[in-house]
Amino acid sequence: MTVRVRRVYDPPEPDDGVRVLVDRLWPRGGVAKDAAHVDKWPKGLTPSTELRRWYHAGEGSYEEFAERYEAELADPEAAGLLDHVRELARRGDVTLLTASKSPAESHASVLLRLLDGS
């Protein structure tokens, strides 16, 4: 099992496995849905609009964002979706897709850490 994070703008690779878009909004920049090869899009797994806006406004550190996001992931819907992605990862490779310019300091890296710890 391998879980990794890639930008949705990168072309699909044969070892991507199940491609899971982890952004609430469809990526800007003309990425066509068929070209993105997204297998799953669990919008309930993404940070809330309020948290996303707070973080992108530069009002807090990545560490504080990660803590707040993990707290949101305790919500039953989000926890169930995270468990579903965990199950996908137990069966094979999973690629978390994000439009973030800095995936290492995004919600995708929080998810990756939580999934790697499974």
C-alpha atoms as a PDB file:
ATOM      1  CA  MET A   1       0.000   0.000   0.000  1.00  0.00           C
ATOM      2  CA  THR A   2       1.213   3.433  -0.943  1.00  0.00           C
ATOM      3  CA  VAL A   3      -0.547   6.700  -0.256  1.00  0.00           C
ATOM      4  CA  ARG A   4       0.847   9.806  -1.838  1.00  0.00           C
ATOM      5  CA  VAL A   5      -0.105  13.373  -2.641  1.00  0.00           C
ATOM      6  CA  ARG A   6       0.056  14.841  -6.121  1.00  0.00           C
ATOM      7  CA  ARG A   7      -1.220  17.983  -7.735  1.00  0.00           C
ATOM      8  CA  VAL A   8      -4.357  17.426  -9.785  1.00  0.00           C
ATOM      9  CA  TYR A   9      -2.689  19.327 -12.647  1.00  0.00           C
ATOM     10  CA  ASP A  10      -0.024  16.618 -13.006  1.00  0.00           C
ATOM     11  CA  PRO A  11      -0.828  13.943 -15.577  1.00  0.00           C
ATOM     12  CA  PRO A  12      -1.983  10.591 -14.180  1.00  0.00           C
ATOM     13  CA  GLU A  13       0.662   7.928 -13.706  1.00  0.00           C
ATOM     14  CA  PRO A  14       0.190   4.150 -13.918  1.00  0.00           C
ATOM     15  CA  ASP A  15       1.026   3.649 -10.219  1.00  0.00           C
ATOM     16  CA  ASP A  16      -1.486   6.241  -8.930  1.00  0.00           C
ATOM     17  CA  GLY A  17      -4.005   3.603  -7.948  1.00  0.00           C
ATOM     18  CA  VAL A  18      -7.291   5.130  -6.804  1.00  0.00           C
ATOM     19  CA  ARG A  19      -7.200   8.877  -7.445  1.00  0.00           C
ATOM     20  CA  VAL A  20      -9.025  10.823  -4.734  1.00  0.00           C
ATOM     21  CA  LEU A  21      -9.646  14.551  -5.125  1.00  0.00           C
ATOM     22  CA  VAL A  22      -9.422  16.038  -1.634  1.00  0.00           C
ATOM     23  CA  ASP A  23     -10.426  19.619  -2.506  1.00  0.00           C
ATOM     24  CA  ARG A  24     -13.938  20.929  -1.875  1.00  0.00           C
ATOM     25  CA  LEU A  25     -13.986  22.951  -5.115  1.00  0.00           C
ATOM     26  CA  TRP A  26     -13.117  21.746  -8.593  1.00  0.00           C
ATOM     27  CA  PRO A  27      -9.609  23.003  -9.467  1.00  0.00           C
ATOM     28  CA  ARG A  28      -9.263  26.185 -11.440  1.00  0.00           C
ATOM     29  CA  GLY A  29      -7.186  26.409 -14.541  1.00  0.00           C
ATOM     30  CA  GLY A  30      -9.097  24.360 -17.020  1.00  0.00           C
ATOM     31  CA  VAL A  31      -8.508  20.858 -15.687  1.00  0.00           C
ATOM     32  CA  ALA A  32     -11.123  18.794 -17.470  1.00  0.00           C
ATOM     33  CA  LYS A  33     -12.828  16.165 -15.356  1.00  0.00           C
ATOM     34  CA  ASP A  34     -12.026  13.393 -17.820  1.00  0.00           C
ATOM     35  CA  ALA A  35      -8.354  14.436 -18.024  1.00  0.00           C
ATOM     36  CA  ALA A  36      -8.006  14.513 -14.227  1.00  0.00           C
ATOM     37  CA  HIS A  37      -9.044  10.846 -13.927  1.00  0.00           C
ATOM     38  CA  VAL A  38     -10.606  11.374 -10.495  1.00  0.00           C
ATOM     39  CA  ASP A  39     -12.051   8.164  -9.078  1.00  0.00           C
ATOM     40  CA  LYS A  40     -13.436   9.576  -5.812  1.00  0.00           C
ATOM     41  CA  TRP A  41     -14.346  13.078  -4.670  1.00  0.00           C
ATOM     42  CA  PRO A  42     -15.359  12.968  -0.986  1.00  0.00           C
ATOM     43  CA  LYS A  43     -16.183  16.642  -0.434  1.00  0.00           C
ATOM     44  CA  GLY A  44     -17.106  15.968   3.194  1.00  0.00           C
ATOM     45  CA  LEU A  45     -13.473  15.036   3.872  1.00  0.00           C
ATOM     46  CA  THR A  46     -12.213  18.509   2.978  1.00  0.00           C
ATOM     47  CA  PRO A  47     -11.666  21.411   5.371  1.00  0.00           C
ATOM     48  CA  SER A  48     -14.700  23.568   6.069  1.00  0.00           C
ATOM     49  CA  THR A  49     -15.112  26.731   4.023  1.00  0.00           C
ATOM     50  CA  GLU A  50     -14.445  28.790   7.150  1.00  0.00           C
ATOM     51  CA  LEU A  51     -11.202  26.967   7.959  1.00  0.00           C
ATOM     52  CA  ARG A  52     -10.036  27.077   4.366  1.00  0.00           C
ATOM     53  CA  ARG A  53     -10.653  30.846   4.133  1.00  0.00           C
ATOM     54  CA  TRP A  54      -8.997  31.446   7.503  1.00  0.00           C
ATOM     55  CA  TYR A  55      -5.858  29.578   6.439  1.00  0.00           C
ATOM     56  CA  HIS A  56      -5.633  31.110   2.965  1.00  0.00           C
ATOM     57  CA  ALA A  57      -6.006  34.591   4.455  1.00  0.00           C
ATOM     58  CA  GLY A  58      -2.733  33.959   6.296  1.00  0.00           C
ATOM     59  CA  GLU A  59      -4.297  34.337   9.724  1.00  0.00           C
ATOM     60  CA  GLY A  60      -2.604  31.305  11.264  1.00  0.00           C
ATOM     61  CA  SER A  61       0.272  28.884  10.974  1.00  0.00           C
ATOM     62  CA  TYR A  62       0.194  25.569   9.155  1.00  0.00           C
ATOM     63  CA  GLU A  63       0.491  23.804  12.509  1.00  0.00           C
ATOM     64  CA  GLU A  64      -2.631  25.552  13.842  1.00  0.00           C
ATOM     65  CA  PHE A  65      -4.460  24.830  10.586  1.00  0.00           C
ATOM     66  CA  ALA A  66      -3.527  21.139  10.842  1.00  0.00           C
ATOM     67  CA  GLU A  67      -4.823  20.970  14.430  1.00  0.00           C
ATOM     68  CA  ARG A  68      -8.111  22.633  13.492  1.00  0.00           C
ATOM     69  CA  TYR A  69      -8.513  20.397  10.451  1.00  0.00           C
ATOM     70  CA  GLU A  70      -7.890  17.250  12.488  1.00  0.00           C
ATOM     71  CA  ALA A  71     -10.592  18.415  14.892  1.00  0.00           C
ATOM     72  CA  GLU A  72     -12.982  18.769  11.939  1.00  0.00           C
ATOM     73  CA  LEU A  73     -12.104  15.248  10.827  1.00  0.00           C
ATOM     74  CA  ALA A  74     -13.616  13.961  14.081  1.00  0.00           C
ATOM     75  CA  ASP A  75     -17.065  14.840  12.696  1.00  0.00           C
ATOM     76  CA  PRO A  76     -18.907  11.567  11.979  1.00  0.00           C
ATOM     77  CA  GLU A  77     -19.291  12.247   8.238  1.00  0.00           C
ATOM     78  CA  ALA A  78     -15.638  13.212   7.777  1.00  0.00           C
ATOM     79  CA  ALA A  79     -14.459  10.323   9.972  1.00  0.00           C
ATOM     80  CA  GLY A  80     -16.478   7.885   7.889  1.00  0.00           C
ATOM     81  CA  LEU A  81     -15.019   9.234   4.669  1.00  0.00           C
ATOM     82  CA  LEU A  82     -11.504   9.050   6.099  1.00  0.00           C
ATOM     83  CA  ASP A  83     -12.155   5.424   7.062  1.00  0.00           C
ATOM     84  CA  HIS A  84     -13.313   4.744   3.502  1.00  0.00           C
ATOM     85  CA  VAL A  85     -10.065   6.154   2.073  1.00  0.00           C
ATOM     86  CA  ARG A  86      -8.146   4.124   4.673  1.00  0.00           C
ATOM     87  CA  GLU A  87      -9.901   0.998   3.409  1.00  0.00           C
ATOM     88  CA  LEU A  88      -9.018   1.895  -0.186  1.00  0.00           C
ATOM     89  CA  ALA A  89      -5.382   2.267   0.899  1.00  0.00           C
ATOM     90  CA  ARG A  90      -5.427  -1.143   2.591  1.00  0.00           C
ATOM     91  CA  ARG A  91      -6.435  -2.658  -0.740  1.00  0.00           C
ATOM     92  CA  GLY A  92      -3.917  -0.822  -2.922  1.00  0.00           C
ATOM     93  CA  ASP A  93      -2.303   2.429  -3.923  1.00  0.00           C
ATOM     94  CA  VAL A  94      -4.104   5.725  -3.350  1.00  0.00           C
ATOM     95  CA  THR A  95      -3.194   9.151  -4.689  1.00  0.00           C
ATOM     96  CA  LEU A  96      -4.620  12.194  -2.936  1.00  0.00           C
ATOM     97  CA  LEU A  97      -5.115  14.969  -5.477  1.00  0.00           C
ATOM     98  CA  THR A  98      -5.084  18.662  -4.647  1.00  0.00           C
ATOM     99  CA  ALA A  99      -4.842  21.928  -6.524  1.00  0.00           C
ATOM    100  CA  SER A 100      -2.777  23.427  -3.716  1.00  0.00           C
ATOM    101  CA  LYS A 101       0.388  25.168  -4.863  1.00  0.00           C
ATOM    102  CA  SER A 102       2.120  23.858  -1.756  1.00  0.00           C
ATOM    103  CA  PRO A 103       0.789  20.361  -1.050  1.00  0.00           C
ATOM    104  CA  ALA A 104       3.264  19.880   1.806  1.00  0.00           C
ATOM    105  CA  GLU A 105       1.534  22.678   3.739  1.00  0.00           C
ATOM    106  CA  SER A 106      -2.023  21.803   2.837  1.00  0.00           C
ATOM    107  CA  HIS A 107      -4.842  19.650   4.135  1.00  0.00           C
ATOM    108  CA  ALA A 108      -3.644  16.900   1.795  1.00  0.00           C
ATOM    109  CA  SER A 109      -0.472  16.476   3.846  1.00  0.00           C
ATOM    110  CA  VAL A 110      -2.585  16.205   7.022  1.00  0.00           C
ATOM    111  CA  LEU A 111      -4.610  13.449   5.380  1.00  0.00           C
ATOM    112  CA  LEU A 112      -1.438  11.737   4.180  1.00  0.00           C
ATOM    113  CA  ARG A 113      -0.018  11.741   7.722  1.00  0.00           C
ATOM    114  CA  LEU A 114      -3.249  10.327   9.146  1.00  0.00           C
ATOM    115  CA  LEU A 115      -3.467   7.653   6.468  1.00  0.00           C
ATOM    116  CA  ASP A 116       0.201   6.675   6.812  1.00  0.00           C
ATOM    117  CA  GLY A 117      -0.389   6.212  10.529  1.00  0.00           C
ATOM    118  CA  SER A 118      -3.190   3.700   9.883  1.00  0.00           C
END
